């Protein structure tokens, strides 16, 4: 399901994967504009998810958050959003969009410096344990 959602985000076809009774809950933490109440309209859910997950320069990666499949949206290694989903088959029924900067810090990643041809950051490679 999550891979289908990534493809749908990139093609602008998110609405087609949403169940008619899908629900989106968002958390902007008062720092980022986000709906304060659950969103039940699939057109609005698709719009919100697309806006927050496909900004220019965004990198999407499939990971897990809170035991659920998730899409992590990063720009220059900094997490901008985490989208957790649940559903049946390829149909998405529940979405949780985390935009609160205080909750995204654990998702930040180091980006290799461009002046280091070996991709090293601070004496160790970003993909090796510290």
C-alpha atoms as a PDB file:
ATOM      1  CA  UNK A   1       0.000   0.000   0.000  1.00  0.00           C
ATOM      2  CA  UNK A   2       2.718   2.487   0.948  1.00  0.00           C
ATOM      3  CA  UNK A   3       4.608   2.046  -2.334  1.00  0.00           C
ATOM      4  CA  UNK A   4       1.378   2.675  -4.232  1.00  0.00           C
ATOM      5  CA  UNK A   5       0.878   5.843  -2.204  1.00  0.00           C
ATOM      6  CA  UNK A   6       4.377   7.104  -3.053  1.00  0.00           C
ATOM      7  CA  UNK A   7       3.646   6.521  -6.741  1.00  0.00           C
ATOM      8  CA  UNK A   8       0.274   8.255  -6.393  1.00  0.00           C
ATOM      9  CA  UNK A   9       1.889  11.244  -4.677  1.00  0.00           C
ATOM     10  CA  UNK A  10       4.395  11.608  -7.489  1.00  0.00           C
ATOM     11  CA  UNK A  11       1.689  11.362 -10.153  1.00  0.00           C
ATOM     12  CA  UNK A  12      -0.955  13.458  -8.390  1.00  0.00           C
ATOM     13  CA  UNK A  13      -3.379  10.535  -8.134  1.00  0.00           C
ATOM     14  CA  UNK A  14      -3.698  10.192  -4.342  1.00  0.00           C
ATOM     15  CA  UNK A  15      -7.482  10.439  -4.338  1.00  0.00           C
ATOM     16  CA  UNK A  16      -7.754   7.125  -6.213  1.00  0.00           C
ATOM     17  CA  UNK A  17      -6.135   5.225  -3.311  1.00  0.00           C
ATOM     18  CA  UNK A  18      -8.346   6.669  -0.585  1.00  0.00           C
ATOM     19  CA  UNK A  19     -11.333   4.791   0.786  1.00  0.00           C
ATOM     20  CA  UNK A  20     -14.572   6.804   0.538  1.00  0.00           C
ATOM     21  CA  UNK A  21     -14.605   7.054   4.344  1.00  0.00           C
ATOM     22  CA  UNK A  22     -10.886   7.839   4.730  1.00  0.00           C
ATOM     23  CA  UNK A  23      -9.838  10.076   7.620  1.00  0.00           C
ATOM     24  CA  UNK A  24      -6.766  12.317   7.944  1.00  0.00           C
ATOM     25  CA  UNK A  25      -5.540  13.512  11.332  1.00  0.00           C
ATOM     26  CA  UNK A  26      -2.771  16.116  11.307  1.00  0.00           C
ATOM     27  CA  UNK A  27      -0.435  17.612  13.887  1.00  0.00           C
ATOM     28  CA  UNK A  28       1.159  20.977  13.195  1.00  0.00           C
ATOM     29  CA  UNK A  29       1.860  21.636  16.865  1.00  0.00           C
ATOM     30  CA  UNK A  30       0.738  25.227  16.472  1.00  0.00           C
ATOM     31  CA  UNK A  31       3.934  25.818  14.486  1.00  0.00           C
ATOM     32  CA  UNK A  32       2.825  24.713  11.017  1.00  0.00           C
ATOM     33  CA  UNK A  33      -0.560  25.305   9.399  1.00  0.00           C
ATOM     34  CA  UNK A  34      -2.548  22.076   9.651  1.00  0.00           C
ATOM     35  CA  UNK A  35      -6.215  21.186  10.124  1.00  0.00           C
ATOM     36  CA  UNK A  36      -7.180  21.177  13.795  1.00  0.00           C
ATOM     37  CA  UNK A  37      -9.912  18.578  13.302  1.00  0.00           C
ATOM     38  CA  UNK A  38      -9.962  15.270  11.431  1.00  0.00           C
ATOM     39  CA  UNK A  39     -10.546  15.651   7.688  1.00  0.00           C
ATOM     40  CA  UNK A  40     -13.141  13.304   6.153  1.00  0.00           C
ATOM     41  CA  UNK A  41     -13.347  14.654   2.595  1.00  0.00           C
ATOM     42  CA  UNK A  42     -11.172  12.550   0.246  1.00  0.00           C
ATOM     43  CA  UNK A  43     -10.577  15.441  -2.158  1.00  0.00           C
ATOM     44  CA  UNK A  44      -9.306  17.612   0.702  1.00  0.00           C
ATOM     45  CA  UNK A  45      -7.236  14.745   2.142  1.00  0.00           C
ATOM     46  CA  UNK A  46      -5.597  14.188  -1.245  1.00  0.00           C
ATOM     47  CA  UNK A  47      -4.880  17.904  -1.588  1.00  0.00           C
ATOM     48  CA  UNK A  48      -3.359  18.258   1.879  1.00  0.00           C
ATOM     49  CA  UNK A  49      -1.187  15.176   1.569  1.00  0.00           C
ATOM     50  CA  UNK A  50       0.008  16.178  -1.895  1.00  0.00           C
ATOM     51  CA  UNK A  51       0.815  19.747  -0.813  1.00  0.00           C
ATOM     52  CA  UNK A  52       2.856  18.647   2.198  1.00  0.00           C
ATOM     53  CA  UNK A  53       4.621  15.682   0.595  1.00  0.00           C
ATOM     54  CA  UNK A  54       5.564  16.928  -2.866  1.00  0.00           C
ATOM     55  CA  UNK A  55       7.145  20.339  -2.388  1.00  0.00           C
ATOM     56  CA  UNK A  56      10.103  21.158  -4.637  1.00  0.00           C
ATOM     57  CA  UNK A  57      13.297  19.501  -3.438  1.00  0.00           C
ATOM     58  CA  UNK A  58      11.457  16.959  -1.287  1.00  0.00           C
ATOM     59  CA  UNK A  59      12.869  13.452  -0.964  1.00  0.00           C
ATOM     60  CA  UNK A  60      10.392  10.722  -0.035  1.00  0.00           C
ATOM     61  CA  UNK A  61      11.461   7.579   1.778  1.00  0.00           C
ATOM     62  CA  UNK A  62       9.410   4.642   2.995  1.00  0.00           C
ATOM     63  CA  UNK A  63      10.046   3.911   6.659  1.00  0.00           C
ATOM     64  CA  UNK A  64       8.072   2.910   9.753  1.00  0.00           C
ATOM     65  CA  UNK A  65       6.702   5.214  12.429  1.00  0.00           C
ATOM     66  CA  UNK A  66       4.720   4.107  15.459  1.00  0.00           C
ATOM     67  CA  UNK A  67       4.584   0.574  14.059  1.00  0.00           C
ATOM     68  CA  UNK A  68       2.956   1.681  10.802  1.00  0.00           C
ATOM     69  CA  UNK A  69       4.256   2.142   7.295  1.00  0.00           C
ATOM     70  CA  UNK A  70       5.159   5.773   6.740  1.00  0.00           C
ATOM     71  CA  UNK A  71       6.447   8.191   4.156  1.00  0.00           C
ATOM     72  CA  UNK A  72       9.121  10.523   5.483  1.00  0.00           C
ATOM     73  CA  UNK A  73       9.497  13.773   3.565  1.00  0.00           C
ATOM     74  CA  UNK A  74      12.914  15.409   3.821  1.00  0.00           C
ATOM     75  CA  UNK A  75      14.590  18.424   2.258  1.00  0.00           C
ATOM     76  CA  UNK A  76      18.369  18.609   2.609  1.00  0.00           C
ATOM     77  CA  UNK A  77      18.163  15.868   5.229  1.00  0.00           C
ATOM     78  CA  UNK A  78      15.689  17.720   7.435  1.00  0.00           C
ATOM     79  CA  UNK A  79      12.341  16.052   8.006  1.00  0.00           C
ATOM     80  CA  UNK A  80       9.453  18.207   6.819  1.00  0.00           C
ATOM     81  CA  UNK A  81       6.641  15.701   7.350  1.00  0.00           C
ATOM     82  CA  UNK A  82       5.920  12.118   8.316  1.00  0.00           C
ATOM     83  CA  UNK A  83       2.805  10.536   6.824  1.00  0.00           C
ATOM     84  CA  UNK A  84       1.659   7.317   8.520  1.00  0.00           C
ATOM     85  CA  UNK A  85      -1.057   5.260   6.892  1.00  0.00           C
ATOM     86  CA  UNK A  86      -3.309   2.297   7.524  1.00  0.00           C
ATOM     87  CA  UNK A  87      -5.744   0.475   5.305  1.00  0.00           C
ATOM     88  CA  UNK A  88      -6.644  -2.740   3.554  1.00  0.00           C
ATOM     89  CA  UNK A  89      -4.851  -3.946   0.438  1.00  0.00           C
ATOM     90  CA  UNK A  90      -3.994  -0.842  -1.560  1.00  0.00           C
ATOM     91  CA  UNK A  91      -6.877   1.222  -0.146  1.00  0.00           C
ATOM     92  CA  UNK A  92      -5.889   3.824   2.450  1.00  0.00           C
ATOM     93  CA  UNK A  93      -8.407   4.330   5.258  1.00  0.00           C
ATOM     94  CA  UNK A  94      -6.485   6.318   7.882  1.00  0.00           C
ATOM     95  CA  UNK A  95      -3.715   8.882   7.505  1.00  0.00           C
ATOM     96  CA  UNK A  96      -1.722  10.698  10.182  1.00  0.00           C
ATOM     97  CA  UNK A  97       0.235  13.697   8.920  1.00  0.00           C
ATOM     98  CA  UNK A  98       2.907  14.862  11.357  1.00  0.00           C
ATOM     99  CA  UNK A  99       4.125  18.388  10.605  1.00  0.00           C
ATOM    100  CA  UNK A 100       5.010  19.506  14.137  1.00  0.00           C
ATOM    101  CA  UNK A 101       8.721  20.477  14.016  1.00  0.00           C
ATOM    102  CA  UNK A 102       9.242  19.289  17.607  1.00  0.00           C
ATOM    103  CA  UNK A 103       8.131  15.784  16.632  1.00  0.00           C
ATOM    104  CA  UNK A 104      10.216  15.657  13.443  1.00  0.00           C
ATOM    105  CA  UNK A 105      13.706  16.138  14.881  1.00  0.00           C
ATOM    106  CA  UNK A 106      14.281  12.397  15.300  1.00  0.00           C
ATOM    107  CA  UNK A 107      13.721  12.016  11.557  1.00  0.00           C
ATOM    108  CA  UNK A 108      16.456  14.453  10.475  1.00  0.00           C
ATOM    109  CA  UNK A 109      19.398  12.846   8.637  1.00  0.00           C
ATOM    110  CA  UNK A 110      22.901  14.018   7.886  1.00  0.00           C
ATOM    111  CA  UNK A 111      23.526  14.889   4.285  1.00  0.00           C
ATOM    112  CA  UNK A 112      27.029  14.233   2.923  1.00  0.00           C
ATOM    113  CA  UNK A 113      28.984  17.428   2.318  1.00  0.00           C
ATOM    114  CA  UNK A 114      29.366  18.260  -1.341  1.00  0.00           C
ATOM    115  CA  UNK A 115      33.010  19.260  -0.851  1.00  0.00           C
ATOM    116  CA  UNK A 116      33.937  15.709   0.248  1.00  0.00           C
ATOM    117  CA  UNK A 117      34.093  13.314  -2.732  1.00  0.00           C
ATOM    118  CA  UNK A 118      33.941  10.333  -0.372  1.00  0.00           C
ATOM    119  CA  UNK A 119      30.644  11.497   1.061  1.00  0.00           C
ATOM    120  CA  UNK A 120      32.051  11.664   4.581  1.00  0.00           C
ATOM    121  CA  UNK A 121      30.523  13.857   7.256  1.00  0.00           C
ATOM    122  CA  UNK A 122      32.479  14.779  10.325  1.00  0.00           C
ATOM    123  CA  UNK A 123      34.877  11.825  10.134  1.00  0.00           C
ATOM    124  CA  UNK A 124      32.334   9.083   9.499  1.00  0.00           C
ATOM    125  CA  UNK A 125      30.077   8.128   6.674  1.00  0.00           C
ATOM    126  CA  UNK A 126      26.454   9.077   7.186  1.00  0.00           C
ATOM    127  CA  UNK A 127      25.316   5.488   6.570  1.00  0.00           C
ATOM    128  CA  UNK A 128      27.550   3.871   9.205  1.00  0.00           C
ATOM    129  CA  UNK A 129      26.833   3.671  12.909  1.00  0.00           C
ATOM    130  CA  UNK A 130      28.574   6.262  15.060  1.00  0.00           C
END
